[in-house]
Amino acid sequence: MAEKFFTVSGMTCGHCAASVTEEVVAVTGVTEVDVDVRSGLVTVRGDSVDDIVVRAAITDAGYEVAEIVRLAAA
């Protein structure tokens, strides 16, 4: 399983985190999503997760991906 970290701008509350989580967890291969509103960091865990699809899911939730921070094997 791999972890991918996305810096997301515009999130300010628990509702924001829930919206992002709902969209991203629906992406094929995603098994877990953690959202830290304060830091703007979204951690995505799963296998064969496509960065472009995750970025699109975050955009669909109404937020912008500033960058993909790093990739790491778990």
Protein backbone atom coordinates (compact mmCIF):
# COMPACT_ATOMS: atom_id res chain seq x y z
CA MET A 1 0.00 0.00 0.00
CA ALA A 2 1.28 3.46 -0.83
CA GLU A 3 0.65 6.83 0.79
CA LYS A 4 0.30 10.03 -1.19
CA PHE A 5 0.20 13.48 0.36
CA PHE A 6 -1.62 16.42 -1.20
CA THR A 7 -1.54 20.04 -0.03
CA VAL A 8 -5.05 21.44 -0.46
CA SER A 9 -6.10 25.07 -0.16
CA GLY A 10 -9.44 26.49 0.92
CA MET A 11 -10.44 24.00 3.63
CA THR A 12 -11.57 25.68 6.84
CA CYS A 13 -13.80 23.27 8.79
CA GLY A 14 -15.00 19.76 9.44
CA HIS A 15 -17.52 20.03 6.61
CA CYS A 16 -14.64 20.75 4.23
CA ALA A 17 -12.81 17.65 5.46
CA ALA A 18 -15.94 15.53 5.08
CA SER A 19 -16.51 16.77 1.51
CA VAL A 20 -12.94 16.00 0.46
CA THR A 21 -13.02 12.60 2.19
CA GLU A 22 -16.30 11.64 0.52
CA GLU A 23 -14.99 12.47 -2.97
CA VAL A 24 -11.53 10.95 -2.57
CA VAL A 25 -12.58 7.69 -0.90
CA ALA A 26 -14.70 6.98 -4.00
CA VAL A 27 -11.56 6.96 -6.20
CA THR A 28 -10.58 3.50 -7.42
CA GLY A 29 -7.80 2.01 -5.30
CA VAL A 30 -8.22 4.39 -2.35
CA THR A 31 -8.63 2.55 0.94
CA GLU A 32 -8.19 5.40 3.44
CA VAL A 33 -8.24 9.21 3.48
CA ASP A 34 -7.10 11.49 6.29
CA VAL A 35 -7.72 15.23 6.09
CA ASP A 36 -5.99 17.76 8.34
CA VAL A 37 -7.86 21.02 7.79
CA ARG A 38 -5.40 23.12 9.79
CA SER A 39 -2.36 22.12 7.72
CA GLY A 40 -4.28 21.56 4.49
CA LEU A 41 -2.73 18.10 4.18
CA VAL A 42 -4.74 15.27 2.65
CA THR A 43 -3.21 11.81 3.06
CA VAL A 44 -4.42 9.12 0.67
CA ARG A 45 -3.64 5.44 1.17
CA GLY A 46 -4.24 2.67 -1.32
CA ASP A 47 -2.91 0.71 -4.24
CA SER A 48 -2.51 1.97 -7.81
CA VAL A 49 -4.08 5.34 -6.97
CA ASP A 50 -3.90 7.82 -9.85
CA ASP A 51 -2.78 11.30 -8.74
CA ILE A 52 -4.76 12.96 -11.52
CA VAL A 53 -7.99 11.24 -10.45
CA VAL A 54 -7.41 12.21 -6.80
CA ARG A 55 -6.73 15.81 -7.83
CA ALA A 56 -9.98 15.81 -9.84
CA ALA A 57 -11.92 14.40 -6.85
CA ILE A 58 -10.57 17.16 -4.60
CA THR A 59 -11.51 19.74 -7.23
CA ASP A 60 -15.00 18.21 -7.47
CA ALA A 61 -15.31 18.72 -3.70
CA GLY A 62 -14.66 22.44 -4.31
CA TYR A 63 -10.99 22.75 -3.30
CA GLU A 64 -7.67 23.18 -5.05
CA VAL A 65 -4.61 20.96 -4.86
CA ALA A 66 -1.61 23.23 -4.37
CA GLU A 67 0.89 20.37 -4.74
CA ILE A 68 1.58 16.71 -4.24
CA VAL A 69 3.96 16.83 -1.29
CA ARG A 70 5.65 13.44 -1.51
CA LEU A 71 5.10 9.80 -2.28
CA ALA A 72 6.10 7.01 0.06
CA ALA A 73 5.75 3.24 0.16
CA ALA A 74 4.07 2.00 3.33
